[in-house]
Amino acid sequence: MTSVLLTGFEPFGGERVNPSWQAVSLLTGRRRDAVAVELPCVFSRSLVALRDAIDEYRPELVICVGQAGGRPDVTPERVAINLIDARIPDNAGSQPVDVPVIPGGPNAYFTTLPVKACVAGIKGAGLPASVSHTAGTYVCNQVFYGLMHLLDNDFPGVRGGFVHVPYTPEQAARTTSPSLAVHRAAEALGIIVDTALSVTEDLSTPAGTLH
């Protein structure tokens, strides 16, 4: 059984690359206990692809990764909300506004990753990191919420969460945004994986749902 499933996204919003997919691909190429799956940046398909991957690999840990252009840090996300409010269309041209990820689902889910311990580990390696309290309202948050809903209802005992990584230097060169090299993002994700496999409870971080 695969221990860890990592997912990244295809490029979106006019970008030619997505550092989330680049980083998880690089990381899983170095680990025997992990696999990477690329998710579509499409509201109608992302959660189907995620569930198919969990069904196929049966991991004990799932870490979904997305791009957060403008952020300087690798940011483990703490909470996913039951809301889609797309600022731009997805890759299929869909732009849902003010709709739930899961109709009738809880207002929010907390991650089951030890986010504070993960951040401490990343910083200890000299890499930029901070805990984030918002995954936005686009496909990243949809996948984060959908993941936690799946784990809570259909895959008991499997832990998971979501992490955002910054732009690559090549992407940031066209803007004034901060950036992080893909190999550094992969290193940070590796620390998150190792920390999550060894630390099962993050002190002072609540787990579960918000109703």
N, C-alpha and C. Protein backbone atom coordinates (compact mmCIF):
# COMPACT_ATOMS: atom_id res chain seq x y z
N MET A 1 0.83 -1.19 0.00
CA MET A 1 0.00 0.00 0.00
C MET A 1 0.87 1.26 0.00
N THR A 2 0.53 2.20 -0.86
CA THR A 2 1.22 3.48 -0.88
C THR A 2 0.96 4.23 0.41
N SER A 3 1.98 4.76 1.04
CA SER A 3 1.81 5.50 2.28
C SER A 3 1.27 6.89 2.05
N VAL A 4 1.74 7.56 0.99
CA VAL A 4 1.42 8.97 0.80
C VAL A 4 0.98 9.23 -0.64
N LEU A 5 -0.14 9.91 -0.77
CA LEU A 5 -0.60 10.42 -2.06
C LEU A 5 -0.45 11.94 -2.05
N LEU A 6 0.28 12.46 -3.03
CA LEU A 6 0.39 13.90 -3.20
C LEU A 6 -0.26 14.28 -4.52
N THR A 7 -0.98 15.38 -4.51
CA THR A 7 -1.57 15.87 -5.75
C THR A 7 -1.11 17.29 -6.02
N GLY A 8 -1.00 17.61 -7.30
CA GLY A 8 -0.76 18.98 -7.74
C GLY A 8 -1.74 19.29 -8.85
N PHE A 9 -1.75 20.53 -9.29
CA PHE A 9 -2.70 20.95 -10.32
C PHE A 9 -2.01 21.19 -11.65
N GLU A 10 -2.78 21.04 -12.72
CA GLU A 10 -2.36 21.48 -14.03
C GLU A 10 -2.28 23.01 -14.05
N PRO A 11 -1.57 23.60 -15.02
CA PRO A 11 -1.53 25.06 -15.11
C PRO A 11 -2.92 25.66 -15.31
N PHE A 12 -3.10 26.88 -14.85
CA PHE A 12 -4.38 27.57 -15.02
C PHE A 12 -4.13 29.07 -15.10
N GLY A 13 -5.15 29.80 -15.45
CA GLY A 13 -5.07 31.25 -15.46
C GLY A 13 -4.05 31.81 -16.43
N GLY A 14 -3.79 31.09 -17.52
CA GLY A 14 -2.85 31.56 -18.51
C GLY A 14 -1.41 31.17 -18.26
N GLU A 15 -1.13 30.52 -17.14
CA GLU A 15 0.23 30.08 -16.84
C GLU A 15 0.58 28.84 -17.67
N ARG A 16 1.88 28.69 -17.96
CA ARG A 16 2.34 27.52 -18.72
C ARG A 16 2.75 26.37 -17.80
N VAL A 17 3.00 26.65 -16.55
CA VAL A 17 3.39 25.63 -15.57
C VAL A 17 2.61 25.86 -14.29
N ASN A 18 2.60 24.85 -13.45
CA ASN A 18 2.04 24.99 -12.12
C ASN A 18 3.07 24.42 -11.14
N PRO A 19 3.62 25.25 -10.25
CA PRO A 19 4.66 24.77 -9.35
C PRO A 19 4.20 23.67 -8.40
N SER A 20 2.89 23.59 -8.16
CA SER A 20 2.41 22.52 -7.28
C SER A 20 2.67 21.16 -7.92
N TRP A 21 2.39 21.03 -9.19
CA TRP A 21 2.64 19.76 -9.88
C TRP A 21 4.13 19.52 -10.07
N GLN A 22 4.87 20.56 -10.39
CA GLN A 22 6.31 20.40 -10.55
C GLN A 22 6.96 19.91 -9.25
N ALA A 23 6.54 20.48 -8.13
CA ALA A 23 7.16 20.14 -6.85
C ALA A 23 6.80 18.73 -6.39
N VAL A 24 5.51 18.34 -6.51
CA VAL A 24 5.14 17.00 -6.05
C VAL A 24 5.73 15.94 -6.98
N SER A 25 5.86 16.25 -8.26
CA SER A 25 6.49 15.30 -9.19
C SER A 25 7.95 15.08 -8.83
N LEU A 26 8.64 16.18 -8.52
CA LEU A 26 10.05 16.07 -8.13
C LEU A 26 10.19 15.29 -6.83
N LEU A 27 9.35 15.58 -5.86
CA LEU A 27 9.44 14.90 -4.57
C LEU A 27 9.16 13.41 -4.69
N THR A 28 8.09 13.05 -5.37
CA THR A 28 7.74 11.62 -5.43
C THR A 28 8.72 10.83 -6.28
N GLY A 29 9.47 11.52 -7.15
CA GLY A 29 10.51 10.83 -7.89
C GLY A 29 11.67 10.40 -7.00
N ARG A 30 11.73 10.96 -5.79
CA ARG A 30 12.81 10.65 -4.85
C ARG A 30 12.35 9.72 -3.72
N ARG A 31 11.06 9.42 -3.67
CA ARG A 31 10.53 8.64 -2.54
C ARG A 31 9.83 7.39 -3.05
N ARG A 32 10.04 6.28 -2.35
CA ARG A 32 9.36 5.04 -2.71
C ARG A 32 7.99 4.93 -2.04
N ASP A 33 7.77 5.76 -1.01
CA ASP A 33 6.52 5.64 -0.26
C ASP A 33 5.46 6.62 -0.72
N ALA A 34 5.67 7.29 -1.86
CA ALA A 34 4.73 8.33 -2.28
C ALA A 34 4.48 8.28 -3.78
N VAL A 35 3.28 8.68 -4.16
CA VAL A 35 2.92 8.82 -5.57
C VAL A 35 2.32 10.20 -5.79
N ALA A 36 2.40 10.67 -7.03
CA ALA A 36 1.85 11.98 -7.38
C ALA A 36 0.79 11.83 -8.45
N VAL A 37 -0.27 12.59 -8.31
CA VAL A 37 -1.36 12.61 -9.29
C VAL A 37 -1.68 14.07 -9.62
N GLU A 38 -1.79 14.36 -10.90
CA GLU A 38 -2.13 15.72 -11.34
C GLU A 38 -3.64 15.86 -11.42
N LEU A 39 -4.17 16.88 -10.76
CA LEU A 39 -5.60 17.14 -10.78
C LEU A 39 -5.93 18.21 -11.81
N PRO A 40 -7.09 18.10 -12.46
CA PRO A 40 -7.52 19.16 -13.37
C PRO A 40 -7.99 20.38 -12.60
N CYS A 41 -7.70 21.56 -13.13
CA CYS A 41 -8.20 22.79 -12.51
C CYS A 41 -9.59 23.08 -13.09
N VAL A 42 -10.49 22.17 -12.78
CA VAL A 42 -11.86 22.20 -13.31
C VAL A 42 -12.80 21.78 -12.18
N PHE A 43 -13.73 22.64 -11.84
CA PHE A 43 -14.60 22.37 -10.71
C PHE A 43 -15.35 21.04 -10.84
N SER A 44 -15.81 20.73 -12.03
CA SER A 44 -16.63 19.53 -12.20
C SER A 44 -15.83 18.24 -12.21
N ARG A 45 -14.50 18.34 -12.30
CA ARG A 45 -13.69 17.12 -12.45
C ARG A 45 -12.68 16.90 -11.32
N SER A 46 -12.35 17.94 -10.58
CA SER A 46 -11.24 17.83 -9.62
C SER A 46 -11.51 16.80 -8.54
N LEU A 47 -12.69 16.82 -7.95
CA LEU A 47 -12.97 15.90 -6.84
C LEU A 47 -13.16 14.47 -7.32
N VAL A 48 -13.65 14.31 -8.55
CA VAL A 48 -13.75 12.96 -9.12
C VAL A 48 -12.36 12.36 -9.28
N ALA A 49 -11.43 13.17 -9.81
CA ALA A 49 -10.06 12.69 -9.99
C ALA A 49 -9.40 12.40 -8.65
N LEU A 50 -9.68 13.23 -7.65
CA LEU A 50 -9.11 13.01 -6.32
C LEU A 50 -9.61 11.71 -5.72
N ARG A 51 -10.91 11.49 -5.79
CA ARG A 51 -11.45 10.25 -5.22
C ARG A 51 -10.92 9.03 -5.96
N ASP A 52 -10.82 9.11 -7.27
CA ASP A 52 -10.28 7.98 -8.04
C ASP A 52 -8.86 7.65 -7.58
N ALA A 53 -8.07 8.69 -7.31
CA ALA A 53 -6.68 8.47 -6.88
C ALA A 53 -6.63 7.81 -5.51
N ILE A 54 -7.49 8.28 -4.59
CA ILE A 54 -7.52 7.67 -3.25
C ILE A 54 -7.97 6.22 -3.34
N ASP A 55 -8.98 5.96 -4.16
CA ASP A 55 -9.46 4.59 -4.35
C ASP A 55 -8.36 3.69 -4.91
N GLU A 56 -7.58 4.23 -5.84
CA GLU A 56 -6.55 3.42 -6.49
C GLU A 56 -5.38 3.12 -5.56
N TYR A 57 -4.90 4.14 -4.85
CA TYR A 57 -3.65 3.98 -4.10
C TYR A 57 -3.84 3.66 -2.62
N ARG A 58 -5.01 3.93 -2.08
CA ARG A 58 -5.31 3.63 -0.67
C ARG A 58 -4.21 4.13 0.26
N PRO A 59 -3.88 5.40 0.24
CA PRO A 59 -2.79 5.92 1.07
C PRO A 59 -3.21 6.08 2.52
N GLU A 60 -2.25 6.24 3.40
CA GLU A 60 -2.55 6.58 4.79
C GLU A 60 -2.50 8.09 5.01
N LEU A 61 -1.93 8.81 4.04
CA LEU A 61 -1.80 10.25 4.14
C LEU A 61 -2.01 10.85 2.75
N VAL A 62 -2.82 11.93 2.69
CA VAL A 62 -3.07 12.62 1.43
C VAL A 62 -2.72 14.09 1.62
N ILE A 63 -1.83 14.60 0.77
CA ILE A 63 -1.47 16.02 0.81
C ILE A 63 -1.70 16.60 -0.57
N CYS A 64 -2.67 17.48 -0.67
CA CYS A 64 -2.96 18.16 -1.92
C CYS A 64 -2.22 19.50 -1.93
N VAL A 65 -1.69 19.86 -3.07
CA VAL A 65 -0.84 21.05 -3.18
C VAL A 65 -1.35 21.93 -4.31
N GLY A 66 -1.31 23.24 -4.08
CA GLY A 66 -1.73 24.19 -5.09
C GLY A 66 -0.80 25.39 -5.16
N GLN A 67 -0.98 26.17 -6.19
CA GLN A 67 -0.20 27.39 -6.42
C GLN A 67 -0.88 28.58 -5.77
N ALA A 68 -0.11 29.38 -5.04
CA ALA A 68 -0.62 30.63 -4.47
C ALA A 68 0.31 31.76 -4.89
N GLY A 69 0.10 32.28 -6.09
CA GLY A 69 0.91 33.38 -6.58
C GLY A 69 0.74 34.61 -5.69
N GLY A 70 1.86 35.20 -5.31
CA GLY A 70 1.83 36.35 -4.43
C GLY A 70 2.25 36.04 -3.01
N ARG A 71 2.14 34.78 -2.61
CA ARG A 71 2.59 34.41 -1.27
C ARG A 71 4.09 34.15 -1.27
N PRO A 72 4.79 34.58 -0.22
CA PRO A 72 6.23 34.33 -0.16
C PRO A 72 6.61 33.00 0.47
N ASP A 73 5.65 32.37 1.15
CA ASP A 73 5.93 31.18 1.96
C ASP A 73 5.26 29.94 1.40
N VAL A 74 5.78 28.79 1.80
CA VAL A 74 5.04 27.54 1.71
C VAL A 74 4.04 27.56 2.86
N THR A 75 2.76 27.38 2.55
CA THR A 75 1.73 27.61 3.56
C THR A 75 0.81 26.41 3.71
N PRO A 76 1.04 25.56 4.72
CA PRO A 76 0.04 24.56 5.06
C PRO A 76 -1.26 25.24 5.47
N GLU A 77 -2.36 24.76 4.91
CA GLU A 77 -3.66 25.38 5.18
C GLU A 77 -4.32 24.74 6.41
N ARG A 78 -4.96 25.59 7.20
CA ARG A 78 -5.56 25.10 8.44
C ARG A 78 -7.04 24.74 8.30
N VAL A 79 -7.78 25.49 7.46
CA VAL A 79 -9.22 25.28 7.40
C VAL A 79 -9.73 25.42 5.98
N ALA A 80 -10.66 24.54 5.60
CA ALA A 80 -11.33 24.59 4.30
C ALA A 80 -12.79 24.96 4.52
N ILE A 81 -13.30 25.86 3.69
CA ILE A 81 -14.69 26.29 3.86
C ILE A 81 -15.57 25.74 2.73
N ASN A 82 -16.84 25.59 3.05
CA ASN A 82 -17.80 25.01 2.10
C ASN A 82 -18.34 26.09 1.17
N LEU A 83 -17.44 26.65 0.36
CA LEU A 83 -17.81 27.75 -0.52
C LEU A 83 -16.93 27.77 -1.76
N ILE A 84 -17.58 27.93 -2.91
CA ILE A 84 -16.90 28.22 -4.16
C ILE A 84 -17.36 29.60 -4.61
N ASP A 85 -16.39 30.47 -4.87
CA ASP A 85 -16.67 31.83 -5.35
C ASP A 85 -15.53 32.20 -6.29
N ALA A 86 -15.64 31.74 -7.52
CA ALA A 86 -14.51 31.79 -8.46
C ALA A 86 -14.29 33.20 -8.99
N ARG A 87 -13.07 33.71 -8.81
CA ARG A 87 -12.73 35.05 -9.33
C ARG A 87 -12.44 35.00 -10.82
N ILE A 88 -12.02 33.83 -11.33
CA ILE A 88 -11.77 33.64 -12.75
C ILE A 88 -12.37 32.30 -13.16
N PRO A 89 -12.66 32.10 -14.45
CA PRO A 89 -13.15 30.79 -14.89
C PRO A 89 -12.11 29.71 -14.69
N ASP A 90 -12.57 28.48 -14.51
CA ASP A 90 -11.65 27.35 -14.45
C ASP A 90 -11.21 26.99 -15.87
N ASN A 91 -10.46 25.91 -16.01
CA ASN A 91 -9.92 25.55 -17.32
C ASN A 91 -10.97 25.04 -18.29
N ALA A 92 -12.19 24.84 -17.82
CA ALA A 92 -13.29 24.46 -18.70
C ALA A 92 -14.22 25.64 -18.96
N GLY A 93 -13.87 26.81 -18.44
CA GLY A 93 -14.68 28.00 -18.66
C GLY A 93 -15.79 28.20 -17.65
N SER A 94 -15.85 27.37 -16.62
CA SER A 94 -16.89 27.49 -15.60
C SER A 94 -16.46 28.47 -14.51
N GLN A 95 -17.40 29.29 -14.04
CA GLN A 95 -17.09 30.28 -13.01
C GLN A 95 -18.24 30.34 -11.98
N PRO A 96 -18.39 29.30 -11.15
CA PRO A 96 -19.46 29.31 -10.15
C PRO A 96 -19.21 30.37 -9.09
N VAL A 97 -20.29 30.97 -8.63
CA VAL A 97 -20.21 32.04 -7.63
C VAL A 97 -21.19 31.73 -6.50
N ASP A 98 -20.67 31.80 -5.27
CA ASP A 98 -21.49 31.65 -4.07
C ASP A 98 -22.29 30.35 -4.05
N VAL A 99 -21.60 29.25 -4.31
CA VAL A 99 -22.22 27.93 -4.22
C VAL A 99 -21.39 27.06 -3.28
N PRO A 100 -22.01 26.08 -2.63
CA PRO A 100 -21.24 25.21 -1.72
C PRO A 100 -20.42 24.19 -2.49
N VAL A 101 -19.33 23.76 -1.87
CA VAL A 101 -18.56 22.64 -2.41
C VAL A 101 -19.40 21.37 -2.32
N ILE A 102 -19.96 21.13 -1.14
CA ILE A 102 -20.83 19.98 -0.88
C ILE A 102 -22.14 20.51 -0.32
N PRO A 103 -23.23 20.50 -1.08
CA PRO A 103 -24.51 20.96 -0.54
C PRO A 103 -24.88 20.19 0.73
N GLY A 104 -25.21 20.94 1.79
CA GLY A 104 -25.57 20.31 3.05
C GLY A 104 -24.40 19.89 3.91
N GLY A 105 -23.17 20.10 3.43
CA GLY A 105 -22.00 19.74 4.21
C GLY A 105 -21.73 20.72 5.33
N PRO A 106 -20.84 20.39 6.24
CA PRO A 106 -20.47 21.32 7.31
C PRO A 106 -19.93 22.62 6.74
N ASN A 107 -19.99 23.68 7.53
CA ASN A 107 -19.48 24.97 7.07
C ASN A 107 -17.99 24.90 6.75
N ALA A 108 -17.26 24.09 7.51
CA ALA A 108 -15.81 24.03 7.31
C ALA A 108 -15.26 22.74 7.89
N TYR A 109 -14.06 22.39 7.44
CA TYR A 109 -13.28 21.30 8.01
C TYR A 109 -11.90 21.82 8.38
N PHE A 110 -11.38 21.38 9.50
CA PHE A 110 -9.99 21.63 9.83
C PHE A 110 -9.12 20.51 9.24
N THR A 111 -7.91 20.86 8.87
CA THR A 111 -6.95 19.88 8.41
C THR A 111 -6.65 18.86 9.50
N THR A 112 -6.19 17.69 9.11
CA THR A 112 -5.68 16.73 10.08
C THR A 112 -4.16 16.60 9.97
N LEU A 113 -3.53 17.55 9.29
CA LEU A 113 -2.07 17.64 9.28
C LEU A 113 -1.61 18.48 10.47
N PRO A 114 -0.45 18.18 11.04
CA PRO A 114 0.09 18.99 12.14
C PRO A 114 0.76 20.25 11.59
N VAL A 115 -0.06 21.23 11.24
CA VAL A 115 0.44 22.36 10.45
C VAL A 115 1.52 23.17 11.18
N LYS A 116 1.38 23.33 12.49
CA LYS A 116 2.39 24.12 13.21
C LYS A 116 3.72 23.38 13.29
N ALA A 117 3.66 22.10 13.50
CA ALA A 117 4.89 21.31 13.51
C ALA A 117 5.53 21.29 12.12
N CYS A 118 4.70 21.24 11.07
CA CYS A 118 5.23 21.28 9.71
C CYS A 118 5.95 22.60 9.43
N VAL A 119 5.33 23.70 9.83
CA VAL A 119 5.94 25.01 9.62
C VAL A 119 7.26 25.12 10.38
N ALA A 120 7.27 24.63 11.61
CA ALA A 120 8.50 24.67 12.39
C ALA A 120 9.61 23.87 11.71
N GLY A 121 9.26 22.72 11.17
CA GLY A 121 10.25 21.90 10.48
C GLY A 121 10.79 22.56 9.23
N ILE A 122 9.92 23.19 8.48
CA ILE A 122 10.35 23.87 7.25
C ILE A 122 11.26 25.05 7.59
N LYS A 123 10.86 25.84 8.57
CA LYS A 123 11.69 26.97 8.98
C LYS A 123 13.03 26.51 9.51
N GLY A 124 13.03 25.37 10.21
CA GLY A 124 14.28 24.84 10.73
C GLY A 124 15.26 24.45 9.64
N ALA A 125 14.73 24.19 8.44
CA ALA A 125 15.58 23.86 7.30
C ALA A 125 15.98 25.11 6.51
N GLY A 126 15.60 26.28 7.02
CA GLY A 126 15.96 27.52 6.36
C GLY A 126 15.08 27.91 5.20
N LEU A 127 13.87 27.35 5.16
CA LEU A 127 12.93 27.64 4.09
C LEU A 127 11.77 28.48 4.61
N PRO A 128 11.14 29.29 3.76
CA PRO A 128 10.04 30.15 4.22
C PRO A 128 8.74 29.39 4.38
N ALA A 129 8.08 29.57 5.51
CA ALA A 129 6.83 28.86 5.77
C ALA A 129 6.00 29.61 6.79
N SER A 130 4.70 29.46 6.69
CA SER A 130 3.77 29.99 7.69
C SER A 130 2.46 29.24 7.56
N VAL A 131 1.69 29.21 8.65
CA VAL A 131 0.36 28.61 8.63
C VAL A 131 -0.59 29.59 7.95
N SER A 132 -1.42 29.09 7.04
CA SER A 132 -2.44 29.90 6.39
C SER A 132 -3.81 29.53 6.93
N HIS A 133 -4.66 30.54 7.07
CA HIS A 133 -6.03 30.31 7.56
C HIS A 133 -7.07 30.52 6.47
N THR A 134 -6.62 30.63 5.23
CA THR A 134 -7.57 30.68 4.12
C THR A 134 -6.96 30.05 2.89
N ALA A 135 -7.67 29.10 2.32
CA ALA A 135 -7.26 28.47 1.07
C ALA A 135 -7.96 29.11 -0.12
N GLY A 136 -8.61 30.27 0.11
CA GLY A 136 -9.32 30.95 -0.95
C GLY A 136 -10.70 30.35 -1.19
N THR A 137 -11.26 30.63 -2.36
CA THR A 137 -12.59 30.11 -2.72
C THR A 137 -12.59 29.57 -4.15
N TYR A 138 -11.41 29.20 -4.63
CA TYR A 138 -11.28 28.68 -5.99
C TYR A 138 -11.13 27.16 -5.94
N VAL A 139 -10.51 26.55 -6.94
CA VAL A 139 -10.44 25.09 -7.01
C VAL A 139 -9.57 24.51 -5.90
N CYS A 140 -8.57 25.26 -5.44
CA CYS A 140 -7.75 24.78 -4.32
C CYS A 140 -8.61 24.52 -3.08
N ASN A 141 -9.41 25.49 -2.71
CA ASN A 141 -10.28 25.30 -1.55
C ASN A 141 -11.31 24.20 -1.80
N GLN A 142 -11.82 24.13 -3.02
CA GLN A 142 -12.77 23.06 -3.34
C GLN A 142 -12.15 21.70 -3.10
N VAL A 143 -10.91 21.52 -3.57
CA VAL A 143 -10.23 20.24 -3.39
C VAL A 143 -9.92 19.99 -1.92
N PHE A 144 -9.49 21.01 -1.20
CA PHE A 144 -9.20 20.86 0.22
C PHE A 144 -10.45 20.44 0.98
N TYR A 145 -11.55 21.16 0.77
CA TYR A 145 -12.80 20.82 1.46
C TYR A 145 -13.28 19.43 1.02
N GLY A 146 -13.24 19.17 -0.29
CA GLY A 146 -13.69 17.88 -0.77
C GLY A 146 -12.86 16.74 -0.23
N LEU A 147 -11.55 16.95 -0.12
CA LEU A 147 -10.67 15.94 0.47
C LEU A 147 -11.09 15.63 1.90
N MET A 148 -11.24 16.67 2.71
CA MET A 148 -11.57 16.45 4.12
C MET A 148 -12.95 15.81 4.28
N HIS A 149 -13.87 16.16 3.40
CA HIS A 149 -15.20 15.54 3.43
C HIS A 149 -15.10 14.06 3.09
N LEU A 150 -14.30 13.74 2.07
CA LEU A 150 -14.10 12.33 1.71
C LEU A 150 -13.48 11.54 2.86
N LEU A 151 -12.44 12.11 3.47
CA LEU A 151 -11.75 11.39 4.54
C LEU A 151 -12.66 11.23 5.75
N ASP A 152 -13.45 12.25 6.04
CA ASP A 152 -14.34 12.20 7.20
C ASP A 152 -15.46 11.18 7.02
N ASN A 153 -15.91 11.01 5.79
CA ASN A 153 -17.09 10.17 5.55
C ASN A 153 -16.77 8.79 4.97
N ASP A 154 -15.75 8.70 4.13
CA ASP A 154 -15.54 7.46 3.38
C ASP A 154 -14.21 6.76 3.63
N PHE A 155 -13.24 7.46 4.19
CA PHE A 155 -11.93 6.87 4.39
C PHE A 155 -11.45 7.11 5.82
N PRO A 156 -12.10 6.50 6.79
CA PRO A 156 -11.73 6.73 8.19
C PRO A 156 -10.31 6.28 8.46
N GLY A 157 -9.60 7.08 9.23
CA GLY A 157 -8.23 6.75 9.57
C GLY A 157 -7.20 7.35 8.64
N VAL A 158 -7.62 7.82 7.47
CA VAL A 158 -6.70 8.47 6.54
C VAL A 158 -6.63 9.95 6.92
N ARG A 159 -5.42 10.48 7.00
CA ARG A 159 -5.22 11.88 7.35
C ARG A 159 -4.87 12.67 6.11
N GLY A 160 -5.16 13.98 6.16
CA GLY A 160 -4.86 14.76 4.98
C GLY A 160 -5.00 16.25 5.18
N GLY A 161 -4.60 16.98 4.15
CA GLY A 161 -4.70 18.42 4.18
C GLY A 161 -4.20 19.03 2.89
N PHE A 162 -4.02 20.34 2.92
CA PHE A 162 -3.67 21.10 1.72
C PHE A 162 -2.52 22.05 2.01
N VAL A 163 -1.66 22.23 1.01
CA VAL A 163 -0.51 23.13 1.12
C VAL A 163 -0.43 23.99 -0.13
N HIS A 164 -0.19 25.28 0.04
CA HIS A 164 0.08 26.17 -1.08
C HIS A 164 1.57 26.45 -1.20
N VAL A 165 2.04 26.53 -2.44
CA VAL A 165 3.43 26.90 -2.70
C VAL A 165 3.46 28.17 -3.55
N PRO A 166 4.52 28.98 -3.43
CA PRO A 166 4.62 30.23 -4.21
C PRO A 166 4.88 29.98 -5.69
N TYR A 167 4.84 31.07 -6.44
CA TYR A 167 5.27 31.05 -7.83
C TYR A 167 6.71 30.54 -7.95
N THR A 168 7.06 30.01 -9.10
CA THR A 168 8.46 29.77 -9.42
C THR A 168 9.11 31.10 -9.80
N PRO A 169 10.44 31.18 -9.77
CA PRO A 169 11.12 32.42 -10.21
C PRO A 169 10.75 32.81 -11.63
N GLU A 170 10.55 31.83 -12.50
CA GLU A 170 10.20 32.14 -13.89
C GLU A 170 8.82 32.80 -13.98
N GLN A 171 7.87 32.31 -13.19
CA GLN A 171 6.55 32.94 -13.17
C GLN A 171 6.62 34.35 -12.58
N ALA A 172 7.35 34.46 -11.48
CA ALA A 172 7.41 35.73 -10.77
C ALA A 172 8.16 36.80 -11.54
N ALA A 173 8.99 36.40 -12.49
CA ALA A 173 9.77 37.37 -13.26
C ALA A 173 8.88 38.32 -14.06
N ARG A 174 7.64 37.89 -14.33
CA ARG A 174 6.72 38.74 -15.08
C ARG A 174 5.90 39.66 -14.17
N THR A 175 6.11 39.53 -12.86
CA THR A 175 5.33 40.30 -11.89
C THR A 175 6.28 40.84 -10.82
N THR A 176 5.70 41.39 -9.78
CA THR A 176 6.50 41.79 -8.62
C THR A 176 6.33 40.80 -7.47
N SER A 177 5.80 39.63 -7.76
CA SER A 177 5.51 38.63 -6.74
C SER A 177 6.77 37.94 -6.24
N PRO A 178 6.77 37.49 -4.98
CA PRO A 178 7.87 36.65 -4.48
C PRO A 178 7.83 35.28 -5.14
N SER A 179 8.88 34.52 -4.97
CA SER A 179 8.95 33.21 -5.63
C SER A 179 9.78 32.25 -4.80
N LEU A 180 9.71 30.98 -5.20
CA LEU A 180 10.51 29.92 -4.56
C LEU A 180 10.84 28.89 -5.63
N ALA A 181 12.10 28.51 -5.71
CA ALA A 181 12.51 27.51 -6.70
C ALA A 181 11.79 26.19 -6.45
N VAL A 182 11.50 25.47 -7.53
CA VAL A 182 10.74 24.22 -7.41
C VAL A 182 11.44 23.22 -6.51
N HIS A 183 12.76 23.11 -6.59
CA HIS A 183 13.44 22.12 -5.75
C HIS A 183 13.35 22.49 -4.27
N ARG A 184 13.24 23.78 -3.98
CA ARG A 184 13.07 24.21 -2.58
C ARG A 184 11.65 23.91 -2.11
N ALA A 185 10.67 24.13 -2.99
CA ALA A 185 9.29 23.78 -2.64
C ALA A 185 9.16 22.29 -2.40
N ALA A 186 9.82 21.49 -3.24
CA ALA A 186 9.80 20.04 -3.06
C ALA A 186 10.44 19.64 -1.73
N GLU A 187 11.53 20.31 -1.37
CA GLU A 187 12.17 20.04 -0.08
C GLU A 187 11.22 20.34 1.07
N ALA A 188 10.52 21.45 0.99
CA ALA A 188 9.56 21.81 2.04
C ALA A 188 8.42 20.79 2.12
N LEU A 189 7.94 20.35 0.98
CA LEU A 189 6.88 19.34 0.97
C LEU A 189 7.36 18.02 1.56
N GLY A 190 8.61 17.68 1.31
CA GLY A 190 9.16 16.47 1.92
C GLY A 190 9.19 16.56 3.43
N ILE A 191 9.49 17.73 3.95
CA ILE A 191 9.47 17.94 5.41
C ILE A 191 8.05 17.80 5.93
N ILE A 192 7.09 18.32 5.18
CA ILE A 192 5.69 18.18 5.59
C ILE A 192 5.28 16.72 5.63
N VAL A 193 5.66 15.96 4.61
CA VAL A 193 5.33 14.53 4.59
C VAL A 193 5.94 13.83 5.79
N ASP A 194 7.23 14.02 6.02
CA ASP A 194 7.90 13.34 7.12
C ASP A 194 7.31 13.74 8.47
N THR A 195 6.99 15.02 8.62
CA THR A 195 6.40 15.48 9.88
C THR A 195 5.02 14.89 10.08
N ALA A 196 4.21 14.89 9.04
CA ALA A 196 2.85 14.37 9.16
C ALA A 196 2.84 12.87 9.44
N LEU A 197 3.83 12.15 8.93
CA LEU A 197 3.90 10.71 9.19
C LEU A 197 4.35 10.39 10.61
N SER A 198 5.05 11.33 11.23
CA SER A 198 5.60 11.06 12.57
C SER A 198 4.87 11.81 13.69
N VAL A 199 4.15 12.87 13.35
CA VAL A 199 3.43 13.67 14.36
C VAL A 199 1.95 13.54 14.08
N THR A 200 1.21 12.96 15.00
CA THR A 200 -0.21 12.72 14.75
C THR A 200 -1.12 13.77 15.35
N GLU A 201 -0.61 14.62 16.21
CA GLU A 201 -1.45 15.64 16.82
C GLU A 201 -0.65 16.93 16.99
N ASP A 202 -1.21 18.01 16.48
CA ASP A 202 -0.58 19.31 16.56
C ASP A 202 -1.15 20.05 17.77
N LEU A 203 -0.34 20.38 18.75
CA LEU A 203 -0.85 21.02 19.96
C LEU A 203 -1.58 22.31 19.64
N SER A 204 -2.72 22.49 20.24
CA SER A 204 -3.58 23.67 20.14
C SER A 204 -4.25 23.83 18.79
N THR A 205 -4.11 22.86 17.88
CA THR A 205 -4.80 22.93 16.61
C THR A 205 -6.03 22.04 16.64
N PRO A 206 -7.25 22.61 16.49
CA PRO A 206 -8.47 21.78 16.53
C PRO A 206 -8.59 20.95 15.28
N ALA A 207 -9.32 19.85 15.38
CA ALA A 207 -9.57 19.00 14.23
C ALA A 207 -11.06 18.74 14.14
N GLY A 208 -11.52 18.43 12.93
CA GLY A 208 -12.92 18.09 12.76
C GLY A 208 -13.65 19.10 11.89
N THR A 209 -14.93 19.34 12.23
CA THR A 209 -15.79 20.16 11.39
C THR A 209 -16.28 21.38 12.13
N LEU A 210 -16.73 22.35 11.36
CA LEU A 210 -17.42 23.52 11.90
C LEU A 210 -18.83 23.53 11.36
N HIS A 211 -19.81 23.57 12.22
CA HIS A 211 -21.22 23.55 11.79
C HIS A 211 -21.85 24.92 11.98
